[in-house]
Every structure is written in structure tokens, then in C-alpha cells.
């Protein structure tokens, strides 16, 4: 009889986060977009140290082209605008301001929308239906048009632009949260937990919320890109950030009349907005695909 001890290879089961990470990194487009987004975030975080000049400082070199142009100079890497301000410094500080404003908007909209959505999903029809009809009414209007109307009523400026874009984004979080919770409530494990007699609050925090978190994460990324775009649009229309704030939309608004004689003053902030939005959307799509593959 063989009394030798037997050893078995232990199999490590990856966590949910590890599976999401593996699925996400397998998507090369989303991974590349994440690198671009991290670069933009790095520039925004270290803007005071990366920018060679104050974004509002004016020099005697008016409308100097970027350094790679024939008449360009290395002193101004991306050239200057019509007031002699260094465009590189303004774009770098603009990244900081634009991302900070968008983050503020998303935090306000997400906190309010998730709260209303949770109440809507867990309440009776007498509370649910009026709230849903109100959200449908807001969503029926074009988001930018509604934001313009709100800012026009409240008055132009950054605080009112933040409130306007947040109000526009709230219904999206309400409906996404409400639908995700309703979907979970129909599952068997929720029925089993209810039979144990748990409260609605404990049911939500310990059972439902962890399972709807992937859906909310994807919605957060998409809302972040929408917030950047609409804040830039309000700034371009003169309803958001006001000069001399180096917000990307405001830079476009100040420079668009010089597009024929100084096209870089329009193209560079436009490209900054484009690549930032593109990277955020691709990261959001990659997160959604990674989480769907895990299901």
C-alpha cells in the first residue's frame, strides 16, 4: 500500500476585476485610448509645471505660428494667439480646467441621478411614474439646447454652466440606474434575499449595488465625455467660461475668426477636444465590452 502523500496543483480563480482587466487589455483600441487619456490626465494634473508661461500672459509676439512653421520659434512651441498669449500654455491649463469642470458636473449628476433612480426603482408606481415622465420630458429635448436655455435663464458663467450640464445629464443616470435595478430585482437571488426579511436599504447596498456597478461605471465614462463637449460648446457660445479663462471652448470662441490667417489657433484646441473625447468614448466602449464578456 502506497502511503506517500499526494500533492494537487492548486488552481487560482481570478477575481472579477482581474477578468475585466484581462478582457480590457485584450482590446488594443481601448488600451491605446486609455494611454492617450492618461496622458491628458497627466497634463491636466501637472499643468502649472508643464506650461512655460502663465496662460493669461501677453507678449509682443502676436499670432506667431507653431515652431514647425517657417516663421515659427521654439520659444512658443504651438505659437501664439492674436493677443500674443502662448497657445501651448493655454491648452495645457485648458486641459486642467476642462477636466475639472467635467468631473464636477459628473459628480453632481451621478450623485443626484443615482439617488433618484434608486428611489424610483424601489418605490411604488405612484412615485415611479411621475418621475419617469419628468425624465422622459427632459430627454425629449436636445441636451445642448436645454443647457443653453438654462444658462440663458440663469445667466452666463462657469457656475451656471456646470448646473445646466448637470441637469441635462441627470435623467441619463436616473434611467440607467432605475433600469439596472429593475433588471436585478427580477432575478432569483433577490427573491431568496427578500425571503430572509432584509430591509430595502440592506438589499440595495449589499446585493443590488455591487451587481449594477459595471453599468454605472460605463455610464460615468460616457457622461464624462458628454460633459466636456457641452461645457466646451457653452464656452464657444460665450455662455460658459469667460475670457481670459483658458477653457478649450472659450479658446475656440476667441480664435475662430482668425481661422484663415492663423488656422493653428483653431485647429489645436479643436484637436485637443477631439482626441480627449475620442479616447474617453473608446475607453467606455472597451469597459462595456470587457464587462459583457465576463457575464
C-alpha atoms as a PDB file:
ATOM      1  CA  UNK A   1       0.000   0.000   0.000  1.00  0.00           C
ATOM      2  CA  UNK A   2       1.399   3.382  -1.019  1.00  0.00           C
ATOM      3  CA  UNK A   3       1.432   5.778   1.935  1.00  0.00           C
ATOM      4  CA  UNK A   4       3.181   8.563   0.016  1.00  0.00           C
ATOM      5  CA  UNK A   5       1.386  11.918   0.383  1.00  0.00           C
ATOM      6  CA  UNK A   6      -0.253  13.175  -2.772  1.00  0.00           C
ATOM      7  CA  UNK A   7       0.006  16.769  -3.883  1.00  0.00           C
ATOM      8  CA  UNK A   8      -2.506  18.542  -6.085  1.00  0.00           C
ATOM      9  CA  UNK A   9      -1.966  21.628  -8.187  1.00  0.00           C
ATOM     10  CA  UNK A  10      -3.984  24.469  -6.736  1.00  0.00           C
ATOM     11  CA  UNK A  11      -5.938  26.418  -9.334  1.00  0.00           C
ATOM     12  CA  UNK A  12      -6.172  30.153  -8.789  1.00  0.00           C
ATOM     13  CA  UNK A  13      -9.536  31.569  -9.770  1.00  0.00           C
ATOM     14  CA  UNK A  14      -9.107  35.163 -10.996  1.00  0.00           C
ATOM     15  CA  UNK A  15     -11.212  37.825  -9.366  1.00  0.00           C
ATOM     16  CA  UNK A  16     -13.865  39.771 -11.235  1.00  0.00           C
ATOM     17  CA  UNK A  17     -11.542  42.759 -11.503  1.00  0.00           C
ATOM     18  CA  UNK A  18      -8.768  40.566 -12.926  1.00  0.00           C
ATOM     19  CA  UNK A  19     -11.138  39.222 -15.582  1.00  0.00           C
ATOM     20  CA  UNK A  20     -12.264  42.737 -16.509  1.00  0.00           C
ATOM     21  CA  UNK A  21      -8.641  43.852 -16.723  1.00  0.00           C
ATOM     22  CA  UNK A  22      -7.696  40.911 -18.939  1.00  0.00           C
ATOM     23  CA  UNK A  23     -10.664  41.467 -21.252  1.00  0.00           C
ATOM     24  CA  UNK A  24      -9.993  45.207 -21.455  1.00  0.00           C
ATOM     25  CA  UNK A  25      -6.274  44.859 -22.213  1.00  0.00           C
ATOM     26  CA  UNK A  26      -7.106  42.337 -24.953  1.00  0.00           C
ATOM     27  CA  UNK A  27      -8.874  45.200 -26.750  1.00  0.00           C
ATOM     28  CA  UNK A  28      -5.937  47.044 -28.351  1.00  0.00           C
ATOM     29  CA  UNK A  29      -8.001  50.024 -29.456  1.00  0.00           C
ATOM     30  CA  UNK A  30      -9.379  50.603 -25.964  1.00  0.00           C
ATOM     31  CA  UNK A  31      -5.933  50.091 -24.417  1.00  0.00           C
ATOM     32  CA  UNK A  32      -4.407  52.663 -26.774  1.00  0.00           C
ATOM     33  CA  UNK A  33      -7.215  55.080 -25.952  1.00  0.00           C
ATOM     34  CA  UNK A  34      -6.536  54.594 -22.246  1.00  0.00           C
ATOM     35  CA  UNK A  35      -2.884  55.575 -22.799  1.00  0.00           C
ATOM     36  CA  UNK A  36      -3.994  58.766 -24.574  1.00  0.00           C
ATOM     37  CA  UNK A  37      -6.480  59.539 -21.804  1.00  0.00           C
ATOM     38  CA  UNK A  38      -3.829  59.010 -19.116  1.00  0.00           C
ATOM     39  CA  UNK A  39      -1.535  61.420 -20.962  1.00  0.00           C
ATOM     40  CA  UNK A  40      -4.289  64.048 -20.993  1.00  0.00           C
ATOM     41  CA  UNK A  41      -4.924  63.493 -17.269  1.00  0.00           C
ATOM     42  CA  UNK A  42      -1.173  63.747 -16.574  1.00  0.00           C
ATOM     43  CA  UNK A  43      -1.008  67.046 -18.481  1.00  0.00           C
ATOM     44  CA  UNK A  44      -4.023  68.348 -16.539  1.00  0.00           C
ATOM     45  CA  UNK A  45      -2.583  67.353 -13.157  1.00  0.00           C
ATOM     46  CA  UNK A  46       0.853  68.882 -13.786  1.00  0.00           C
ATOM     47  CA  UNK A  47      -0.249  71.852 -15.895  1.00  0.00           C
ATOM     48  CA  UNK A  48       1.427  74.511 -13.687  1.00  0.00           C
ATOM     49  CA  UNK A  49       4.779  72.766 -14.128  1.00  0.00           C
ATOM     50  CA  UNK A  50       4.412  71.804 -17.803  1.00  0.00           C
ATOM     51  CA  UNK A  51       3.246  75.201 -19.080  1.00  0.00           C
ATOM     52  CA  UNK A  52       6.192  77.547 -19.724  1.00  0.00           C
ATOM     53  CA  UNK A  53       4.105  80.715 -19.275  1.00  0.00           C
ATOM     54  CA  UNK A  54       1.053  81.988 -17.482  1.00  0.00           C
ATOM     55  CA  UNK A  55      -1.973  81.256 -19.727  1.00  0.00           C
ATOM     56  CA  UNK A  56      -3.119  84.895 -19.497  1.00  0.00           C
ATOM     57  CA  UNK A  57       0.332  86.451 -20.047  1.00  0.00           C
ATOM     58  CA  UNK A  58       0.544  88.577 -23.199  1.00  0.00           C
ATOM     59  CA  UNK A  59       3.714  89.051 -25.218  1.00  0.00           C
ATOM     60  CA  UNK A  60       4.648  91.372 -28.066  1.00  0.00           C
ATOM     61  CA  UNK A  61       4.799  88.414 -30.491  1.00  0.00           C
ATOM     62  CA  UNK A  62       1.285  88.476 -31.925  1.00  0.00           C
ATOM     63  CA  UNK A  63      -0.024  85.486 -33.935  1.00  0.00           C
ATOM     64  CA  UNK A  64       3.292  83.658 -34.115  1.00  0.00           C
ATOM     65  CA  UNK A  65       2.924  80.251 -35.864  1.00  0.00           C
ATOM     66  CA  UNK A  66       3.964  76.956 -34.211  1.00  0.00           C
ATOM     67  CA  UNK A  67       7.635  76.032 -34.060  1.00  0.00           C
ATOM     68  CA  UNK A  68       7.471  73.729 -37.106  1.00  0.00           C
ATOM     69  CA  UNK A  69       6.274  76.557 -39.372  1.00  0.00           C
ATOM     70  CA  UNK A  70       8.813  78.558 -41.379  1.00  0.00           C
ATOM     71  CA  UNK A  71       8.322  81.673 -39.261  1.00  0.00           C
ATOM     72  CA  UNK A  72       7.867  79.767 -36.014  1.00  0.00           C
ATOM     73  CA  UNK A  73      10.111  79.859 -32.974  1.00  0.00           C
ATOM     74  CA  UNK A  74      10.985  77.330 -30.287  1.00  0.00           C
ATOM     75  CA  UNK A  75      10.058  79.930 -27.682  1.00  0.00           C
ATOM     76  CA  UNK A  76       6.389  79.287 -28.489  1.00  0.00           C
ATOM     77  CA  UNK A  77       6.038  75.570 -29.256  1.00  0.00           C
ATOM     78  CA  UNK A  78       2.437  75.830 -30.540  1.00  0.00           C
ATOM     79  CA  UNK A  79       2.559  79.513 -31.458  1.00  0.00           C
ATOM     80  CA  UNK A  80       0.623  82.430 -30.009  1.00  0.00           C
ATOM     81  CA  UNK A  81      -2.864  83.814 -30.480  1.00  0.00           C
ATOM     82  CA  UNK A  82      -3.965  87.238 -31.643  1.00  0.00           C
ATOM     83  CA  UNK A  83      -3.238  88.726 -28.199  1.00  0.00           C
ATOM     84  CA  UNK A  84       0.272  87.279 -28.002  1.00  0.00           C
ATOM     85  CA  UNK A  85      -0.581  84.553 -25.470  1.00  0.00           C
ATOM     86  CA  UNK A  86       1.318  81.270 -25.626  1.00  0.00           C
ATOM     87  CA  UNK A  87      -1.083  78.683 -27.059  1.00  0.00           C
ATOM     88  CA  UNK A  88       0.706  75.687 -25.543  1.00  0.00           C
ATOM     89  CA  UNK A  89       0.347  77.143 -22.032  1.00  0.00           C
ATOM     90  CA  UNK A  90      -3.315  77.909 -22.642  1.00  0.00           C
ATOM     91  CA  UNK A  91      -4.074  74.408 -23.950  1.00  0.00           C
ATOM     92  CA  UNK A  92      -2.271  72.751 -21.037  1.00  0.00           C
ATOM     93  CA  UNK A  93      -4.133  74.848 -18.468  1.00  0.00           C
ATOM     94  CA  UNK A  94      -7.288  74.356 -20.524  1.00  0.00           C
ATOM     95  CA  UNK A  95      -6.967  70.595 -20.082  1.00  0.00           C
ATOM     96  CA  UNK A  96      -6.823  71.114 -16.329  1.00  0.00           C
ATOM     97  CA  UNK A  97      -9.856  73.423 -16.328  1.00  0.00           C
ATOM     98  CA  UNK A  98     -11.948  71.365 -18.775  1.00  0.00           C
ATOM     99  CA  UNK A  99     -11.390  68.065 -16.950  1.00  0.00           C
ATOM    100  CA  UNK A 100     -12.037  69.672 -13.560  1.00  0.00           C
ATOM    101  CA  UNK A 101     -15.315  71.196 -14.755  1.00  0.00           C
ATOM    102  CA  UNK A 102     -16.411  67.929 -16.372  1.00  0.00           C
ATOM    103  CA  UNK A 103     -15.567  65.985 -13.209  1.00  0.00           C
ATOM    104  CA  UNK A 104     -17.615  68.407 -11.105  1.00  0.00           C
ATOM    105  CA  UNK A 105     -20.570  68.064 -13.469  1.00  0.00           C
ATOM    106  CA  UNK A 106     -20.413  64.256 -13.483  1.00  0.00           C
ATOM    107  CA  UNK A 107     -20.175  64.034  -9.688  1.00  0.00           C
ATOM    108  CA  UNK A 108     -23.260  66.249  -9.266  1.00  0.00           C
ATOM    109  CA  UNK A 109     -25.242  64.489 -11.987  1.00  0.00           C
ATOM    110  CA  UNK A 110     -24.241  60.972 -10.907  1.00  0.00           C
ATOM    111  CA  UNK A 111     -24.981  61.510  -7.220  1.00  0.00           C
ATOM    112  CA  UNK A 112     -28.371  63.093  -7.927  1.00  0.00           C
ATOM    113  CA  UNK A 113     -29.341  60.755 -10.759  1.00  0.00           C
ATOM    114  CA  UNK A 114     -28.372  57.546  -8.959  1.00  0.00           C
ATOM    115  CA  UNK A 115     -30.296  58.633  -5.858  1.00  0.00           C
ATOM    116  CA  UNK A 116     -33.446  59.462  -7.845  1.00  0.00           C
ATOM    117  CA  UNK A 117     -33.068  56.322  -9.950  1.00  0.00           C
ATOM    118  CA  UNK A 118     -32.751  54.130  -6.863  1.00  0.00           C
ATOM    119  CA  UNK A 119     -35.797  55.733  -5.241  1.00  0.00           C
ATOM    120  CA  UNK A 120     -37.754  55.333  -8.481  1.00  0.00           C
ATOM    121  CA  UNK A 121     -36.902  51.637  -8.835  1.00  0.00           C
ATOM    122  CA  UNK A 122     -37.686  50.742  -5.236  1.00  0.00           C
ATOM    123  CA  UNK A 123     -40.829  52.862  -4.843  1.00  0.00           C
ATOM    124  CA  UNK A 124     -44.455  52.321  -5.738  1.00  0.00           C
ATOM    125  CA  UNK A 125     -45.870  53.222  -9.141  1.00  0.00           C
ATOM    126  CA  UNK A 126     -47.420  56.392  -7.718  1.00  0.00           C
ATOM    127  CA  UNK A 127     -43.888  57.766  -7.188  1.00  0.00           C
ATOM    128  CA  UNK A 128     -42.189  55.970 -10.072  1.00  0.00           C
ATOM    129  CA  UNK A 129     -44.427  57.027 -12.957  1.00  0.00           C
ATOM    130  CA  UNK A 130     -44.384  60.837 -12.393  1.00  0.00           C
ATOM    131  CA  UNK A 131     -40.592  60.785 -12.029  1.00  0.00           C
ATOM    132  CA  UNK A 132     -40.179  58.722 -15.196  1.00  0.00           C
ATOM    133  CA  UNK A 133     -42.445  61.046 -17.170  1.00  0.00           C
ATOM    134  CA  UNK A 134     -40.400  64.036 -15.982  1.00  0.00           C
ATOM    135  CA  UNK A 135     -37.163  62.338 -17.053  1.00  0.00           C
ATOM    136  CA  UNK A 136     -38.693  61.468 -20.441  1.00  0.00           C
ATOM    137  CA  UNK A 137     -39.712  65.099 -20.903  1.00  0.00           C
ATOM    138  CA  UNK A 138     -36.164  66.307 -20.264  1.00  0.00           C
ATOM    139  CA  UNK A 139     -34.673  63.649 -22.545  1.00  0.00           C
ATOM    140  CA  UNK A 140     -37.093  64.587 -25.333  1.00  0.00           C
ATOM    141  CA  UNK A 141     -35.294  67.925 -25.699  1.00  0.00           C
ATOM    142  CA  UNK A 142     -31.837  68.194 -27.334  1.00  0.00           C
ATOM    143  CA  UNK A 143     -29.344  68.245 -24.471  1.00  0.00           C
ATOM    144  CA  UNK A 144     -27.277  71.189 -25.721  1.00  0.00           C
ATOM    145  CA  UNK A 145     -30.385  73.239 -26.484  1.00  0.00           C
ATOM    146  CA  UNK A 146     -31.727  72.593 -22.990  1.00  0.00           C
ATOM    147  CA  UNK A 147     -28.365  73.571 -21.462  1.00  0.00           C
ATOM    148  CA  UNK A 148     -28.359  76.789 -23.500  1.00  0.00           C
ATOM    149  CA  UNK A 149     -31.876  77.639 -22.307  1.00  0.00           C
ATOM    150  CA  UNK A 150     -30.963  77.006 -18.669  1.00  0.00           C
ATOM    151  CA  UNK A 151     -27.809  79.144 -18.873  1.00  0.00           C
ATOM    152  CA  UNK A 152     -29.735  81.872 -20.674  1.00  0.00           C
ATOM    153  CA  UNK A 153     -32.200  81.980 -17.785  1.00  0.00           C
ATOM    154  CA  UNK A 154     -29.579  81.775 -15.015  1.00  0.00           C
ATOM    155  CA  UNK A 155     -27.005  83.957 -16.756  1.00  0.00           C
ATOM    156  CA  UNK A 156     -23.672  83.161 -18.422  1.00  0.00           C
ATOM    157  CA  UNK A 157     -20.729  81.966 -16.344  1.00  0.00           C
ATOM    158  CA  UNK A 158     -18.999  78.827 -15.160  1.00  0.00           C
ATOM    159  CA  UNK A 159     -21.213  78.023 -12.118  1.00  0.00           C
ATOM    160  CA  UNK A 160     -24.417  78.250 -14.133  1.00  0.00           C
ATOM    161  CA  UNK A 161     -22.876  76.246 -16.993  1.00  0.00           C
ATOM    162  CA  UNK A 162     -21.994  73.496 -14.510  1.00  0.00           C
ATOM    163  CA  UNK A 163     -25.552  73.422 -13.152  1.00  0.00           C
ATOM    164  CA  UNK A 164     -27.045  73.411 -16.657  1.00  0.00           C
ATOM    165  CA  UNK A 165     -24.950  70.496 -17.956  1.00  0.00           C
ATOM    166  CA  UNK A 166     -25.511  68.570 -14.709  1.00  0.00           C
ATOM    167  CA  UNK A 167     -29.289  68.970 -15.054  1.00  0.00           C
ATOM    168  CA  UNK A 168     -29.078  67.692 -18.628  1.00  0.00           C
ATOM    169  CA  UNK A 169     -27.108  64.595 -17.548  1.00  0.00           C
ATOM    170  CA  UNK A 170     -29.221  63.680 -14.505  1.00  0.00           C
ATOM    171  CA  UNK A 171     -32.011  61.896 -16.479  1.00  0.00           C
ATOM    172  CA  UNK A 172     -29.462  59.577 -18.090  1.00  0.00           C
ATOM    173  CA  UNK A 173     -28.241  58.412 -14.681  1.00  0.00           C
ATOM    174  CA  UNK A 174     -31.815  58.132 -13.405  1.00  0.00           C
ATOM    175  CA  UNK A 175     -32.928  55.823 -16.202  1.00  0.00           C
ATOM    176  CA  UNK A 176     -29.726  53.755 -16.293  1.00  0.00           C
ATOM    177  CA  UNK A 177     -29.843  53.227 -12.525  1.00  0.00           C
ATOM    178  CA  UNK A 178     -33.557  52.514 -12.480  1.00  0.00           C
ATOM    179  CA  UNK A 179     -33.398  50.007 -15.360  1.00  0.00           C
ATOM    180  CA  UNK A 180     -30.359  48.245 -13.895  1.00  0.00           C
ATOM    181  CA  UNK A 181     -32.057  47.866 -10.514  1.00  0.00           C
ATOM    182  CA  UNK A 182     -35.303  46.637 -12.089  1.00  0.00           C
ATOM    183  CA  UNK A 183     -33.317  44.061 -14.020  1.00  0.00           C
ATOM    184  CA  UNK A 184     -31.683  42.797 -10.823  1.00  0.00           C
ATOM    185  CA  UNK A 185     -34.965  42.731  -8.905  1.00  0.00           C
ATOM    186  CA  UNK A 186     -36.311  40.132 -11.310  1.00  0.00           C
ATOM    187  CA  UNK A 187     -33.523  37.644 -10.569  1.00  0.00           C
ATOM    188  CA  UNK A 188     -33.831  34.618  -8.296  1.00  0.00           C
ATOM    189  CA  UNK A 189     -31.108  35.582  -5.835  1.00  0.00           C
ATOM    190  CA  UNK A 190     -33.012  38.766  -4.985  1.00  0.00           C
ATOM    191  CA  UNK A 191     -36.120  36.711  -4.261  1.00  0.00           C
ATOM    192  CA  UNK A 192     -34.087  34.494  -1.949  1.00  0.00           C
ATOM    193  CA  UNK A 193     -32.679  37.502  -0.089  1.00  0.00           C
ATOM    194  CA  UNK A 194     -36.150  39.026   0.277  1.00  0.00           C
ATOM    195  CA  UNK A 195     -37.372  35.801   1.863  1.00  0.00           C
ATOM    196  CA  UNK A 196     -34.767  36.339   4.580  1.00  0.00           C
ATOM    197  CA  UNK A 197     -36.606  39.526   5.527  1.00  0.00           C
ATOM    198  CA  UNK A 198     -33.850  42.072   4.800  1.00  0.00           C
ATOM    199  CA  UNK A 199     -34.688  45.759   4.555  1.00  0.00           C
ATOM    200  CA  UNK A 200     -34.759  47.582   1.229  1.00  0.00           C
ATOM    201  CA  UNK A 201     -31.680  49.593   2.208  1.00  0.00           C
ATOM    202  CA  UNK A 202     -29.629  46.495   3.014  1.00  0.00           C
ATOM    203  CA  UNK A 203     -30.975  44.759  -0.087  1.00  0.00           C
ATOM    204  CA  UNK A 204     -29.738  47.644  -2.224  1.00  0.00           C
ATOM    205  CA  UNK A 205     -26.334  48.191  -0.606  1.00  0.00           C
ATOM    206  CA  UNK A 206     -25.318  44.524  -0.189  1.00  0.00           C
ATOM    207  CA  UNK A 207     -26.959  42.794  -3.155  1.00  0.00           C
ATOM    208  CA  UNK A 208     -28.109  45.128  -5.914  1.00  0.00           C
ATOM    209  CA  UNK A 209     -25.495  47.895  -5.989  1.00  0.00           C
ATOM    210  CA  UNK A 210     -22.420  45.620  -6.394  1.00  0.00           C
ATOM    211  CA  UNK A 211     -24.101  43.956  -9.376  1.00  0.00           C
ATOM    212  CA  UNK A 212     -25.119  47.174 -11.158  1.00  0.00           C
ATOM    213  CA  UNK A 213     -21.744  48.837 -10.580  1.00  0.00           C
ATOM    214  CA  UNK A 214     -20.328  47.836 -14.023  1.00  0.00           C
ATOM    215  CA  UNK A 215     -23.279  49.512 -15.752  1.00  0.00           C
ATOM    216  CA  UNK A 216     -22.792  52.663 -13.692  1.00  0.00           C
ATOM    217  CA  UNK A 217     -19.056  52.767 -14.430  1.00  0.00           C
ATOM    218  CA  UNK A 218     -19.704  52.699 -18.175  1.00  0.00           C
ATOM    219  CA  UNK A 219     -22.330  55.439 -17.822  1.00  0.00           C
ATOM    220  CA  UNK A 220     -19.857  57.570 -15.855  1.00  0.00           C
ATOM    221  CA  UNK A 221     -17.287  57.440 -18.663  1.00  0.00           C
ATOM    222  CA  UNK A 222     -19.862  58.322 -21.314  1.00  0.00           C
ATOM    223  CA  UNK A 223     -21.244  61.162 -19.174  1.00  0.00           C
ATOM    224  CA  UNK A 224     -17.711  62.498 -18.694  1.00  0.00           C
ATOM    225  CA  UNK A 225     -17.187  62.883 -22.444  1.00  0.00           C
ATOM    226  CA  UNK A 226     -20.626  64.496 -22.835  1.00  0.00           C
ATOM    227  CA  UNK A 227     -19.819  66.959 -20.049  1.00  0.00           C
ATOM    228  CA  UNK A 228     -16.541  68.013 -21.714  1.00  0.00           C
ATOM    229  CA  UNK A 229     -18.261  68.504 -25.063  1.00  0.00           C
ATOM    230  CA  UNK A 230     -21.204  70.516 -23.736  1.00  0.00           C
ATOM    231  CA  UNK A 231     -19.047  72.696 -21.475  1.00  0.00           C
ATOM    232  CA  UNK A 232     -16.841  73.425 -24.488  1.00  0.00           C
ATOM    233  CA  UNK A 233     -19.936  74.187 -26.582  1.00  0.00           C
ATOM    234  CA  UNK A 234     -21.260  76.617 -23.968  1.00  0.00           C
ATOM    235  CA  UNK A 235     -17.829  78.230 -23.748  1.00  0.00           C
ATOM    236  CA  UNK A 236     -17.724  78.601 -27.527  1.00  0.00           C
ATOM    237  CA  UNK A 237     -21.137  80.306 -27.463  1.00  0.00           C
ATOM    238  CA  UNK A 238     -19.991  82.678 -24.730  1.00  0.00           C
ATOM    239  CA  UNK A 239     -22.338  81.166 -22.128  1.00  0.00           C
ATOM    240  CA  UNK A 240     -19.799  79.128 -20.140  1.00  0.00           C
ATOM    241  CA  UNK A 241     -16.257  80.031 -19.171  1.00  0.00           C
ATOM    242  CA  UNK A 242     -15.480  83.666 -19.879  1.00  0.00           C
ATOM    243  CA  UNK A 243     -12.218  85.133 -21.184  1.00  0.00           C
ATOM    244  CA  UNK A 244      -9.408  85.034 -20.197  1.00  0.00           C
ATOM    245  CA  UNK A 245     -10.137  81.551 -18.763  1.00  0.00           C
ATOM    246  CA  UNK A 246      -8.242  79.028 -20.928  1.00  0.00           C
ATOM    247  CA  UNK A 247     -11.147  76.627 -21.319  1.00  0.00           C
ATOM    248  CA  UNK A 248     -10.959  74.808 -24.657  1.00  0.00           C
ATOM    249  CA  UNK A 249     -14.339  76.022 -25.906  1.00  0.00           C
ATOM    250  CA  UNK A 250     -13.515  79.602 -24.932  1.00  0.00           C
ATOM    251  CA  UNK A 251     -10.176  79.390 -26.781  1.00  0.00           C
ATOM    252  CA  UNK A 252     -12.072  78.277 -29.902  1.00  0.00           C
ATOM    253  CA  UNK A 253     -14.552  81.112 -29.484  1.00  0.00           C
ATOM    254  CA  UNK A 254     -11.783  83.703 -29.281  1.00  0.00           C
ATOM    255  CA  UNK A 255      -9.844  82.298 -32.252  1.00  0.00           C
ATOM    256  CA  UNK A 256     -12.408  81.122 -34.809  1.00  0.00           C
ATOM    257  CA  UNK A 257     -12.470  84.485 -36.613  1.00  0.00           C
ATOM    258  CA  UNK A 258      -8.753  84.058 -37.401  1.00  0.00           C
ATOM    259  CA  UNK A 259      -9.120  80.609 -38.966  1.00  0.00           C
ATOM    260  CA  UNK A 260      -7.945  81.848 -42.375  1.00  0.00           C
ATOM    261  CA  UNK A 261      -4.865  83.771 -41.217  1.00  0.00           C
ATOM    262  CA  UNK A 262      -3.936  81.712 -38.122  1.00  0.00           C
ATOM    263  CA  UNK A 263      -5.515  78.248 -38.531  1.00  0.00           C
ATOM    264  CA  UNK A 264      -3.442  76.709 -35.730  1.00  0.00           C
ATOM    265  CA  UNK A 265      -5.293  78.808 -33.142  1.00  0.00           C
ATOM    266  CA  UNK A 266      -8.470  76.915 -34.082  1.00  0.00           C
ATOM    267  CA  UNK A 267      -7.093  73.530 -35.128  1.00  0.00           C
ATOM    268  CA  UNK A 268      -5.051  72.842 -31.976  1.00  0.00           C
ATOM    269  CA  UNK A 269      -7.815  73.348 -29.375  1.00  0.00           C
ATOM    270  CA  UNK A 270     -10.214  71.516 -31.694  1.00  0.00           C
ATOM    271  CA  UNK A 271      -7.831  68.554 -31.882  1.00  0.00           C
ATOM    272  CA  UNK A 272      -7.408  68.613 -28.103  1.00  0.00           C
ATOM    273  CA  UNK A 273     -11.184  68.298 -27.657  1.00  0.00           C
ATOM    274  CA  UNK A 274     -11.450  65.658 -30.404  1.00  0.00           C
ATOM    275  CA  UNK A 275      -8.753  63.313 -29.111  1.00  0.00           C
ATOM    276  CA  UNK A 276      -9.875  63.669 -25.491  1.00  0.00           C
ATOM    277  CA  UNK A 277     -13.481  62.814 -26.336  1.00  0.00           C
ATOM    278  CA  UNK A 278     -12.425  60.001 -28.666  1.00  0.00           C
ATOM    279  CA  UNK A 279     -10.203  58.409 -26.026  1.00  0.00           C
ATOM    280  CA  UNK A 280     -12.881  58.625 -23.325  1.00  0.00           C
ATOM    281  CA  UNK A 281     -15.541  57.098 -25.592  1.00  0.00           C
ATOM    282  CA  UNK A 282     -13.234  54.278 -26.691  1.00  0.00           C
ATOM    283  CA  UNK A 283     -12.313  53.539 -23.077  1.00  0.00           C
ATOM    284  CA  UNK A 284     -16.007  53.486 -22.182  1.00  0.00           C
ATOM    285  CA  UNK A 285     -16.780  51.111 -25.043  1.00  0.00           C
ATOM    286  CA  UNK A 286     -13.844  48.922 -24.025  1.00  0.00           C
ATOM    287  CA  UNK A 287     -15.064  48.782 -20.429  1.00  0.00           C
ATOM    288  CA  UNK A 288     -18.559  47.828 -21.555  1.00  0.00           C
ATOM    289  CA  UNK A 289     -17.241  45.072 -23.825  1.00  0.00           C
ATOM    290  CA  UNK A 290     -14.889  43.763 -21.119  1.00  0.00           C
ATOM    291  CA  UNK A 291     -17.688  43.567 -18.560  1.00  0.00           C
ATOM    292  CA  UNK A 292     -20.093  41.984 -21.049  1.00  0.00           C
ATOM    293  CA  UNK A 293     -17.558  39.265 -21.889  1.00  0.00           C
ATOM    294  CA  UNK A 294     -17.317  38.434 -18.207  1.00  0.00           C
ATOM    295  CA  UNK A 295     -21.066  37.782 -17.986  1.00  0.00           C
END
